[in-house]
């Protein structure tokens, strides 16, 4: 059951990253996550680990820059700022890739790791539903954010 839940979480995250893949930064985690969904032990492969590590490092560096920019220039809630939405995506990528990397020896190392995986996998879906329902939140967004699925 735990293995099936882990694969399901990877399927949800791969779908989320694929939907967001209009930005190249999401394409790499979409592919890496899809591979984990098919074979959770792939995270022990040196190529998978290397690509994941480099991508995670770049996401963290970009996130630090965006966080600094937001600290200095935020006018509204961070979800109303383009940089805030990008920062949220980078945090999700970093958290998911880190969780996948830690599962290389055992795809579901424990109940806590699986619970964290479920929460992270459901977060983008729940956030999207909340934002989709909350028309007031979307009113000030740019067109490309208003026309998402």
Protein backbone atom coordinates (compact mmCIF):
# COMPACT_ATOMS: atom_id res chain seq x y z
CA UNK A 1 0.00 0.00 0.00
CA UNK A 2 2.80 2.44 0.90
CA UNK A 3 4.57 1.78 -2.41
CA UNK A 4 1.35 2.46 -4.32
CA UNK A 5 0.81 5.73 -2.42
CA UNK A 6 4.39 6.80 -3.15
CA UNK A 7 3.93 6.05 -6.86
CA UNK A 8 0.62 7.93 -6.80
CA UNK A 9 2.29 10.95 -5.22
CA UNK A 10 4.94 10.87 -7.93
CA UNK A 11 2.24 10.67 -10.60
CA UNK A 12 0.49 13.74 -9.14
CA UNK A 13 3.73 15.70 -8.92
CA UNK A 14 4.81 14.68 -12.42
CA UNK A 15 1.44 15.94 -13.70
CA UNK A 16 1.81 19.20 -11.75
CA UNK A 17 5.33 19.78 -13.05
CA UNK A 18 4.26 18.86 -16.60
CA UNK A 19 1.38 21.37 -16.49
CA UNK A 20 3.81 24.02 -15.31
CA UNK A 21 6.44 23.01 -17.88
CA UNK A 22 5.81 26.10 -19.99
CA UNK A 23 8.71 27.30 -17.86
CA UNK A 24 11.75 25.10 -18.48
CA UNK A 25 12.54 24.93 -14.77
CA UNK A 26 9.58 22.51 -14.36
CA UNK A 27 10.47 20.20 -17.25
CA UNK A 28 13.42 18.58 -15.49
CA UNK A 29 11.52 17.71 -12.29
CA UNK A 30 8.60 16.48 -14.41
CA UNK A 31 10.86 13.95 -16.13
CA UNK A 32 12.74 13.01 -12.94
CA UNK A 33 9.50 12.56 -11.01
CA UNK A 34 7.96 10.50 -13.80
CA UNK A 35 10.99 8.21 -13.66
CA UNK A 36 10.55 7.82 -9.89
CA UNK A 37 6.90 6.96 -10.44
CA UNK A 38 7.83 4.16 -12.80
CA UNK A 39 10.78 2.89 -10.74
CA UNK A 40 11.25 4.41 -7.27
CA UNK A 41 14.74 2.94 -7.01
CA UNK A 42 15.93 5.08 -9.96
CA UNK A 43 16.83 7.73 -7.38
CA UNK A 44 19.90 5.65 -6.56
CA UNK A 45 21.18 6.05 -10.13
CA UNK A 46 24.14 8.44 -10.36
CA UNK A 47 22.78 10.23 -13.44
CA UNK A 48 19.39 10.79 -11.77
CA UNK A 49 21.08 11.98 -8.58
CA UNK A 50 23.46 14.28 -10.45
CA UNK A 51 20.77 15.94 -12.55
CA UNK A 52 18.57 16.28 -9.49
CA UNK A 53 21.36 17.78 -7.39
CA UNK A 54 22.37 20.36 -10.00
CA UNK A 55 18.77 21.33 -10.69
CA UNK A 56 17.96 21.60 -6.98
CA UNK A 57 21.04 23.76 -6.41
CA UNK A 58 19.99 26.11 -9.23
CA UNK A 59 16.43 26.27 -7.87
CA UNK A 60 17.69 27.11 -4.39
CA UNK A 61 19.98 29.84 -5.77
CA UNK A 62 17.13 31.30 -7.83
CA UNK A 63 14.77 31.08 -4.83
CA UNK A 64 17.21 32.99 -2.63
CA UNK A 65 17.40 35.73 -5.24
CA UNK A 66 13.62 35.91 -5.56
CA UNK A 67 13.17 35.93 -1.77
CA UNK A 68 15.61 38.83 -1.50
CA UNK A 69 13.76 40.71 -4.25
CA UNK A 70 10.41 40.07 -2.55
CA UNK A 71 11.79 41.22 0.78
CA UNK A 72 12.71 44.55 -0.76
CA UNK A 73 9.83 45.10 -3.19
CA UNK A 74 6.68 43.24 -2.14
CA UNK A 75 3.58 45.40 -2.44
CA UNK A 76 0.92 42.73 -1.77
CA UNK A 77 0.62 39.10 -0.72
CA UNK A 78 3.42 37.03 -2.27
CA UNK A 79 0.87 35.08 -4.32
CA UNK A 80 -0.15 38.35 -5.99
CA UNK A 81 3.45 38.98 -7.03
CA UNK A 82 4.85 37.10 -10.04
CA UNK A 83 8.09 36.54 -8.16
CA UNK A 84 6.14 35.13 -5.20
CA UNK A 85 4.41 32.57 -7.39
CA UNK A 86 7.75 31.64 -8.95
CA UNK A 87 9.30 31.34 -5.49
CA UNK A 88 6.48 29.03 -4.40
CA UNK A 89 7.11 26.81 -7.40
CA UNK A 90 10.83 26.68 -6.72
CA UNK A 91 10.18 25.72 -3.09
CA UNK A 92 7.87 22.92 -4.24
CA UNK A 93 10.49 21.65 -6.72
CA UNK A 94 13.22 21.73 -4.09
CA UNK A 95 11.10 19.99 -1.46
CA UNK A 96 9.95 17.28 -3.86
CA UNK A 97 13.37 16.58 -5.34
CA UNK A 98 14.86 16.42 -1.84
CA UNK A 99 12.18 13.97 -0.75
CA UNK A 100 12.76 11.81 -3.82
CA UNK A 101 16.55 11.85 -3.32
CA UNK A 102 16.15 10.64 0.25
CA UNK A 103 14.10 7.65 -0.91
CA UNK A 104 16.87 6.00 -2.96
CA UNK A 105 17.46 3.03 -0.66
CA UNK A 106 13.84 2.53 0.32
CA UNK A 107 11.11 4.19 -1.80
CA UNK A 108 9.02 4.70 1.30
CA UNK A 109 11.46 5.01 4.18
CA UNK A 110 8.77 5.49 6.75
CA UNK A 111 5.34 6.77 7.52
CA UNK A 112 6.58 10.29 8.17
CA UNK A 113 8.30 10.53 4.78
CA UNK A 114 5.18 9.15 3.06
CA UNK A 115 2.96 11.61 4.94
CA UNK A 116 5.22 14.50 3.89
CA UNK A 117 5.08 13.22 0.31
CA UNK A 118 1.28 13.11 0.36
CA UNK A 119 1.06 16.66 1.78
CA UNK A 120 3.50 18.04 -0.81
CA UNK A 121 1.75 16.19 -3.64
CA UNK A 122 -1.67 17.49 -2.63
CA UNK A 123 -0.51 21.07 -1.94
CA UNK A 124 -0.43 22.25 -5.60
CA UNK A 125 -3.85 20.74 -6.28
CA UNK A 126 -5.45 22.25 -3.17
CA UNK A 127 -3.79 25.62 -3.86
CA UNK A 128 -5.05 25.61 -7.44
CA UNK A 129 -8.61 24.80 -6.34
CA UNK A 130 -8.52 27.55 -3.71
CA UNK A 131 -7.19 30.13 -6.15
CA UNK A 132 -9.61 29.00 -8.88
CA UNK A 133 -12.56 29.47 -6.53
CA UNK A 134 -11.27 32.78 -5.13
CA UNK A 135 -11.99 35.12 -8.04
CA UNK A 136 -10.98 38.16 -5.99
CA UNK A 137 -7.45 36.77 -5.64
CA UNK A 138 -7.19 36.22 -9.39
CA UNK A 139 -8.54 39.63 -10.39
CA UNK A 140 -5.19 41.43 -10.14
CA UNK A 141 -3.17 38.67 -11.80
CA UNK A 142 -1.67 38.93 -15.28
CA UNK A 143 -3.52 37.23 -18.15
CA UNK A 144 -1.21 34.20 -18.31
CA UNK A 145 -2.12 33.35 -14.70
CA UNK A 146 -5.86 33.84 -15.20
CA UNK A 147 -6.08 31.43 -18.12
CA UNK A 148 -4.61 28.35 -16.42
CA UNK A 149 -6.64 25.17 -16.49
